[in-house]
Amino acid sequence: MPIDDTTPPKPKVDPGRMHVLVEEFLQHVRHERGQSEHTQRTYAAQLKRFVDWAAAQGIDNWRSVELQHLMAFLQHERERALAKKSGESDSQRRLSSESLYLAIAALRAFYKYCEAEKLLPVDVAEQLSLPRRWQRLPKSLSKEEIDQLLAPLPSEEPQDLCDRAILELAYASGLRLAELIRLRLEQLHLDAGFVTVIGKGNKERVVPVGRPAIAALQRYLECGRPQLVKPRSPANVFLTKRGTPFAAVTMWLRIKKRAKRAGIKKNITPHMLRHSFATHLLEHGADLRVIQELLGHANIGTTEIYTHVGGQRLRQVHEQYHPRSSV
C-alpha cells in the first residue's frame, strides 16, 4: 500500500477566542470608561486588524502573542499600501504616522486592561513607545467669516432655524459635534444663560451661552422644532426633518452646506467652530484655565495648542502696528 506523503492542508486558525477578549475590552471602554464613540470605533478597528493579521500568522490565542509579534504587525502596517483612490492607477501611499500612533495606542490600552483584570499574565505592549505626534495647529474662522456664517437667511423654514441655532450654540459655547447631537432639552437653561453638557468620559460641565445664541435657540424651539417633532421623536434639542436625532455626518454636512451658502471658501470641519470659539477667547484675553474648563479638556496641555494660534495673531498685530517691526 503506497504511503501518502502529501502534507495535509493547514487548518484555518479560528481567531474567535481573541475576538472575545477584544469584545470584553470594548465593553469596558464603552460602559465603564465612557470613551467617545469615535475612540470606541478606533480601538475596535485597530484591534480587529491585529487579530486578523495574527490569524494569518497562525496565532489564535492572546497568550501566544509576544512583543516581537506586535513589532512585526506594526512593521506590516507601516509597509502596507493603502487602497487606491478613484482615478489612481497604483497606490504608492502608505499608512501615516498618525495611524500607527492609533494602532499602538489601541494595543497598549487593550493590554493594560487585560493585565489589570488578570485576563493575561503580562503586558507585552508596555514596551511599545508611542511616536511623537505632529501637533497640527487647529484651523479656525476669522471674526468676519463667523459674521458671514451666522448671518440670518431670508428663509425661516424649520431646518433653517435649526441650522442657525446649531451654529450659534457651537460658536458661543465651543461644544463638540457629538455634544451638540446628544444635547437634550433638559440640559438647556436659557433663562439663566447656560447649558449643561455631558462631555468625554461622561463628565458634566456648565457652559455659558451668549445672548445671540439664546435668541437663536429660543426662536428655533418656538417656531422650528415643534414642526420637526414626530410621535416618536426623542428629547434631543436638534432634530432632522424626519424628527430623528442627527448622525454626525448629517450635521457636519448641514454645517458645510450653510457655510457654502454664506460664501465661505474654507473647507469647514466639524471642530472648526469649536476651535474658533477657543481662539477668539484667547485673542481677547481669556485665561487659558478658563478656556480649558469651557472646552471640557481634562489636561491643560490639550488646551495649550491654542497659545500657538494666539502667538501667530500677536505676531501679525506686531508686524502691522509696531513702527520698527520690519526694521
Protein backbone atom coordinates (compact mmCIF):
# COMPACT_ATOMS: atom_id res chain seq x y z
CA MET A 1 0.00 0.00 0.00
CA PRO A 2 1.60 3.26 -1.11
CA ILE A 3 2.45 5.76 1.59
CA ASP A 4 0.64 9.02 1.29
CA ASP A 5 3.38 11.57 1.89
CA THR A 6 1.31 14.61 0.95
CA THR A 7 1.17 17.23 3.65
CA PRO A 8 -2.37 17.80 4.89
CA PRO A 9 -3.64 21.32 4.43
CA LYS A 10 -3.02 23.60 7.38
CA PRO A 11 -6.27 24.07 9.28
CA LYS A 12 -7.68 27.54 9.34
CA VAL A 13 -6.96 29.36 12.54
CA ASP A 14 -10.11 30.41 14.38
CA PRO A 15 -9.46 33.83 15.96
CA GLY A 16 -12.72 33.58 17.91
CA ARG A 17 -11.10 33.49 21.36
CA MET A 18 -9.08 36.58 20.51
CA HIS A 19 -12.17 38.39 19.30
CA VAL A 20 -13.98 37.53 22.53
CA LEU A 21 -11.27 39.17 24.63
CA VAL A 22 -11.31 42.23 22.38
CA GLU A 23 -15.07 42.49 22.80
CA GLU A 24 -14.70 42.34 26.60
CA PHE A 25 -12.23 45.24 26.38
CA LEU A 26 -14.56 47.24 24.11
CA GLN A 27 -17.43 46.70 26.56
CA HIS A 28 -15.18 48.10 29.29
CA VAL A 29 -14.28 51.12 27.13
CA ARG A 30 -17.93 51.67 26.26
CA HIS A 31 -19.62 51.28 29.63
CA GLU A 32 -17.04 51.83 32.34
CA ARG A 33 -14.59 54.32 30.88
CA GLY A 34 -17.24 56.22 28.95
CA GLN A 35 -14.95 56.82 25.97
CA SER A 36 -16.35 58.63 22.95
CA GLU A 37 -17.90 56.68 20.10
CA HIS A 38 -15.02 57.76 17.88
CA THR A 39 -12.47 56.27 20.30
CA GLN A 40 -14.51 53.07 20.56
CA ARG A 41 -14.60 52.69 16.79
CA THR A 42 -10.88 53.42 16.51
CA TYR A 43 -9.94 50.80 19.11
CA ALA A 44 -12.28 48.25 17.53
CA ALA A 45 -10.87 48.77 14.03
CA GLN A 46 -7.20 48.70 15.12
CA LEU A 47 -7.58 45.58 17.29
CA LYS A 48 -9.53 43.78 14.55
CA ARG A 49 -6.66 44.44 12.15
CA PHE A 50 -4.21 42.89 14.60
CA VAL A 51 -6.41 39.84 15.28
CA ASP A 52 -6.84 39.24 11.54
CA TRP A 53 -3.08 39.61 11.00
CA ALA A 54 -2.36 37.24 13.91
CA ALA A 55 -4.74 34.64 12.47
CA ALA A 56 -2.83 34.75 9.18
CA GLN A 57 0.37 34.04 11.16
CA GLY A 58 -1.19 31.02 12.88
CA ILE A 59 -1.73 32.77 16.22
CA ASP A 60 -5.13 32.07 17.74
CA ASN A 61 -4.60 32.95 21.39
CA TRP A 62 -3.54 36.18 23.06
CA ARG A 63 -1.27 34.21 25.40
CA SER A 64 0.83 33.26 22.40
CA VAL A 65 1.43 36.88 21.39
CA GLU A 66 4.88 38.26 22.20
CA LEU A 67 6.44 41.67 21.75
CA GLN A 68 8.11 40.52 18.54
CA HIS A 69 4.67 39.77 17.06
CA LEU A 70 3.43 43.25 17.89
CA MET A 71 6.54 44.76 16.30
CA ALA A 72 6.08 42.60 13.18
CA PHE A 73 2.45 43.67 12.92
CA LEU A 74 3.38 47.36 13.16
CA GLN A 75 6.07 46.90 10.51
CA HIS A 76 3.46 45.19 8.31
CA GLU A 77 1.11 48.14 8.83
CA ARG A 78 3.89 50.65 8.08
CA GLU A 79 4.61 48.97 4.73
CA ARG A 80 1.01 48.27 3.78
CA ALA A 81 -0.17 50.06 0.63
CA LEU A 82 -3.42 51.91 1.14
CA ALA A 83 -6.45 51.34 -1.05
CA LYS A 84 -6.36 53.18 -4.35
CA LYS A 85 -8.31 56.40 -4.63
CA SER A 86 -10.60 57.00 -7.56
CA GLY A 87 -8.51 57.69 -10.65
CA GLU A 88 -5.25 56.25 -9.27
CA SER A 89 -3.57 53.58 -11.39
CA ASP A 90 -1.44 52.37 -8.49
CA SER A 91 -1.34 53.49 -4.89
CA GLN A 92 2.05 54.48 -3.51
CA ARG A 93 0.53 55.87 -0.34
CA ARG A 94 1.45 54.29 2.98
CA LEU A 95 -0.03 54.45 6.43
CA SER A 96 0.58 57.78 8.16
CA SER A 97 2.45 58.10 11.43
CA GLU A 98 -0.85 59.26 12.95
CA SER A 99 -2.49 55.92 12.06
CA LEU A 100 0.46 53.99 13.52
CA TYR A 101 0.12 56.07 16.67
CA LEU A 102 -3.52 54.96 16.94
CA ALA A 103 -2.60 51.29 16.39
CA ILE A 104 -0.02 51.42 19.20
CA ALA A 105 -2.40 53.31 21.50
CA ALA A 106 -5.12 50.69 20.95
CA LEU A 107 -2.77 47.78 21.69
CA ARG A 108 -1.39 49.46 24.81
CA ALA A 109 -4.85 50.27 26.15
CA PHE A 110 -6.03 46.69 25.46
CA TYR A 111 -3.07 45.05 27.20
CA LYS A 112 -3.22 47.42 30.16
CA TYR A 113 -6.86 46.42 30.70
CA CYS A 114 -6.17 42.69 30.30
CA GLU A 115 -3.30 42.73 32.77
CA ALA A 116 -5.31 44.74 35.32
CA GLU A 117 -8.23 42.30 35.02
CA LYS A 118 -5.91 39.24 35.22
CA LEU A 119 -7.06 38.16 31.76
CA LEU A 120 -3.46 37.99 30.54
CA PRO A 121 -0.38 37.31 32.69
CA VAL A 122 1.80 40.09 31.34
CA ASP A 123 1.50 43.36 29.42
CA VAL A 124 3.66 42.69 26.38
CA ALA A 125 2.68 46.05 24.82
CA GLU A 126 4.08 48.22 27.62
CA GLN A 127 7.41 48.46 25.80
CA LEU A 128 5.80 49.86 22.66
CA SER A 129 6.68 53.53 22.55
CA LEU A 130 4.25 56.00 21.08
CA PRO A 131 5.80 58.04 18.25
CA ARG A 132 5.81 61.78 18.69
CA ARG A 133 2.70 63.23 17.10
CA TRP A 134 2.93 66.26 14.89
CA GLN A 135 0.96 68.97 16.62
CA ARG A 136 -1.29 70.43 13.99
CA LEU A 137 -2.48 73.94 14.71
CA PRO A 138 -6.28 73.98 14.77
CA LYS A 139 -7.89 75.83 11.88
CA SER A 140 -10.42 78.47 12.78
CA LEU A 141 -12.61 81.03 11.09
CA SER A 142 -11.93 84.74 11.24
CA LYS A 143 -14.39 87.02 13.01
CA GLU A 144 -15.56 88.27 9.59
CA GLU A 145 -16.22 84.70 8.44
CA ILE A 146 -18.11 83.97 11.67
CA ASP A 147 -20.31 87.01 10.99
CA GLN A 148 -20.95 85.71 7.46
CA LEU A 149 -21.80 82.24 8.72
CA LEU A 150 -24.16 83.42 11.45
CA ALA A 151 -25.98 86.00 9.33
CA PRO A 152 -29.72 85.15 9.21
CA LEU A 153 -31.15 83.85 5.97
CA PRO A 154 -34.28 85.30 4.33
CA SER A 155 -35.93 81.89 4.73
CA GLU A 156 -37.15 80.80 8.16
CA GLU A 157 -38.03 77.19 7.43
CA PRO A 158 -37.75 74.86 10.46
CA GLN A 159 -34.49 73.37 9.15
CA ASP A 160 -33.00 76.84 8.63
CA LEU A 161 -33.87 77.79 12.21
CA CYS A 162 -32.32 74.53 13.40
CA ASP A 163 -29.11 75.14 11.45
CA ARG A 164 -28.83 78.70 12.80
CA ALA A 165 -29.33 77.51 16.38
CA ILE A 166 -26.67 74.78 15.95
CA LEU A 167 -24.12 77.23 14.56
CA GLU A 168 -24.82 79.93 17.16
CA LEU A 169 -24.51 77.45 20.05
CA ALA A 170 -21.40 75.77 18.61
CA TYR A 171 -19.59 79.10 18.33
CA ALA A 172 -20.97 80.61 21.54
CA SER A 173 -20.14 77.66 23.77
CA GLY A 174 -17.47 75.60 21.97
CA LEU A 175 -19.42 72.33 22.04
CA ARG A 176 -18.10 69.26 20.27
CA LEU A 177 -20.13 67.84 17.39
CA ALA A 178 -21.12 64.81 19.50
CA GLU A 179 -22.19 67.10 22.35
CA LEU A 180 -24.44 69.10 20.02
CA ILE A 181 -26.00 65.90 18.70
CA ARG A 182 -26.67 64.45 22.16
CA LEU A 183 -27.86 67.72 23.77
CA ARG A 184 -31.31 67.27 25.32
CA LEU A 185 -34.00 69.76 26.24
CA GLU A 186 -33.48 69.32 29.98
CA GLN A 187 -29.85 70.44 29.56
CA LEU A 188 -30.93 73.90 28.38
CA HIS A 189 -31.17 76.63 30.99
CA LEU A 190 -31.63 79.58 28.68
CA ASP A 191 -33.28 81.85 31.26
CA ALA A 192 -30.12 81.54 33.36
CA GLY A 193 -27.86 81.76 30.28
CA PHE A 194 -26.14 78.38 30.34
CA VAL A 195 -26.31 74.74 29.20
CA THR A 196 -25.11 71.63 30.98
CA VAL A 197 -23.00 69.44 28.71
CA ILE A 198 -22.12 65.75 29.02
CA GLY A 199 -18.65 65.50 27.52
CA LYS A 200 -15.98 62.83 27.16
CA GLY A 201 -15.89 60.27 29.93
CA ASN A 202 -19.48 61.26 30.86
CA LYS A 203 -18.11 64.32 32.61
CA GLU A 204 -20.62 67.11 33.09
CA ARG A 205 -19.70 70.77 32.72
CA VAL A 206 -21.64 74.01 32.75
CA VAL A 207 -21.10 76.31 29.76
CA PRO A 208 -22.45 79.86 29.42
CA VAL A 209 -24.40 80.86 26.32
CA GLY A 210 -24.38 84.37 24.85
CA ARG A 211 -27.46 86.43 24.02
CA PRO A 212 -27.40 85.86 20.21
CA ALA A 213 -27.21 82.09 20.72
CA ILE A 214 -30.01 82.19 23.31
CA ALA A 215 -32.18 84.17 20.88
CA ALA A 216 -31.49 81.70 18.04
CA LEU A 217 -32.26 78.73 20.29
CA GLN A 218 -35.49 80.26 21.57
CA ARG A 219 -36.61 81.10 18.03
CA TYR A 220 -35.88 77.50 16.94
CA LEU A 221 -37.63 75.97 19.99
CA GLU A 222 -40.72 78.11 19.47
CA CYS A 223 -41.08 78.12 15.67
CA GLY A 224 -38.83 75.38 14.26
CA ARG A 225 -38.60 72.32 16.49
CA PRO A 226 -42.40 71.89 17.00
CA GLN A 227 -42.72 71.36 13.24
CA LEU A 228 -39.91 68.78 13.22
CA VAL A 229 -41.21 66.69 16.14
CA LYS A 230 -42.81 63.36 15.28
CA PRO A 231 -44.70 60.96 17.63
CA ARG A 232 -41.53 59.00 18.40
CA SER A 233 -39.06 61.90 18.45
CA PRO A 234 -36.69 61.87 21.45
CA ALA A 235 -35.94 64.86 23.68
CA ASN A 236 -32.82 65.81 21.69
CA VAL A 237 -32.72 69.55 21.07
CA PHE A 238 -31.74 69.29 17.40
CA LEU A 239 -33.84 67.13 15.09
CA THR A 240 -33.74 66.28 11.40
CA LYS A 241 -36.73 66.82 9.15
CA ARG A 242 -37.72 63.20 9.94
CA GLY A 243 -37.84 64.04 13.64
CA THR A 244 -34.80 61.93 14.49
CA PRO A 245 -31.52 62.89 16.16
CA PHE A 246 -28.71 63.85 13.82
CA ALA A 247 -25.99 61.45 12.77
CA ALA A 248 -22.56 63.06 12.99
CA VAL A 249 -22.03 63.13 9.23
CA THR A 250 -25.50 64.59 8.63
CA MET A 251 -24.95 67.50 11.00
CA TRP A 252 -21.49 68.11 9.57
CA LEU A 253 -22.83 68.21 6.01
CA ARG A 254 -25.58 70.62 7.09
CA ILE A 255 -22.93 72.94 8.56
CA LYS A 256 -20.82 72.71 5.39
CA LYS A 257 -23.87 73.48 3.24
CA ARG A 258 -24.71 76.52 5.36
CA ALA A 259 -21.10 77.75 5.10
CA LYS A 260 -21.21 77.40 1.33
CA ARG A 261 -24.46 79.40 1.18
CA ALA A 262 -22.75 82.08 3.27
CA GLY A 263 -19.95 82.36 0.71
CA ILE A 264 -17.18 80.91 2.91
CA LYS A 265 -14.47 79.29 0.81
CA LYS A 266 -12.71 77.37 3.57
CA ASN A 267 -13.30 73.65 3.95
CA ILE A 268 -15.35 73.58 7.14
CA THR A 269 -14.53 70.74 9.54
CA PRO A 270 -16.66 69.54 12.49
CA HIS A 271 -14.31 71.11 15.05
CA MET A 272 -13.70 74.44 13.30
CA LEU A 273 -16.37 76.38 15.21
CA ARG A 274 -15.05 74.95 18.49
CA HIS A 275 -11.52 76.00 17.51
CA SER A 276 -12.81 79.46 16.57
CA PHE A 277 -14.53 79.76 19.95
CA ALA A 278 -11.29 78.99 21.83
CA THR A 279 -9.02 81.05 19.57
CA HIS A 280 -11.18 84.16 19.75
CA LEU A 281 -11.48 83.89 23.53
CA LEU A 282 -7.70 83.70 23.86
CA GLU A 283 -7.16 86.61 21.48
CA HIS A 284 -9.45 88.75 23.64
CA GLY A 285 -7.51 87.96 26.80
CA ALA A 286 -9.31 84.97 28.32
CA ASP A 287 -7.32 82.89 30.81
CA LEU A 288 -6.17 79.52 29.45
CA ARG A 289 -7.55 77.70 32.51
CA VAL A 290 -10.99 79.18 31.86
CA ILE A 291 -10.83 78.05 28.22
CA GLN A 292 -9.81 74.56 29.40
CA GLU A 293 -12.88 74.42 31.65
CA LEU A 294 -15.22 75.66 28.91
CA LEU A 295 -13.88 73.16 26.37
CA GLY A 296 -14.01 70.27 28.82
CA HIS A 297 -10.33 69.35 28.41
CA ALA A 298 -9.07 67.00 31.12
CA ASN A 299 -5.48 68.18 30.60
CA ILE A 300 -4.29 71.77 30.24
CA GLY A 301 -1.74 70.51 27.70
CA THR A 302 -4.59 69.88 25.25
CA THR A 303 -5.71 73.49 25.59
CA GLU A 304 -2.20 74.91 25.23
CA ILE A 305 -2.26 74.32 21.48
CA TYR A 306 -4.35 77.49 21.24
CA THR A 307 -1.46 79.55 22.62
CA HIS A 308 0.35 78.86 19.32
CA VAL A 309 -2.62 80.23 17.42
CA GLY A 310 -2.66 83.26 19.71
CA GLY A 311 1.06 83.72 19.15
CA GLN A 312 0.57 83.84 15.41
CA ARG A 313 -2.08 86.52 15.86
CA LEU A 314 0.22 88.52 18.16
CA ARG A 315 2.99 88.42 15.56
CA GLN A 316 0.59 89.66 12.88
CA VAL A 317 -0.51 92.56 15.09
CA HIS A 318 3.11 93.39 15.94
CA GLU A 319 4.15 93.41 12.29
CA GLN A 320 1.16 95.52 11.32
CA TYR A 321 1.33 98.18 14.02
CA HIS A 322 4.82 98.35 15.52
CA PRO A 323 6.88 101.12 13.84
CA ARG A 324 10.07 99.05 13.82
CA SER A 325 8.65 95.56 13.24
CA SER A 326 10.18 95.38 9.74
CA VAL A 327 13.50 97.06 10.52
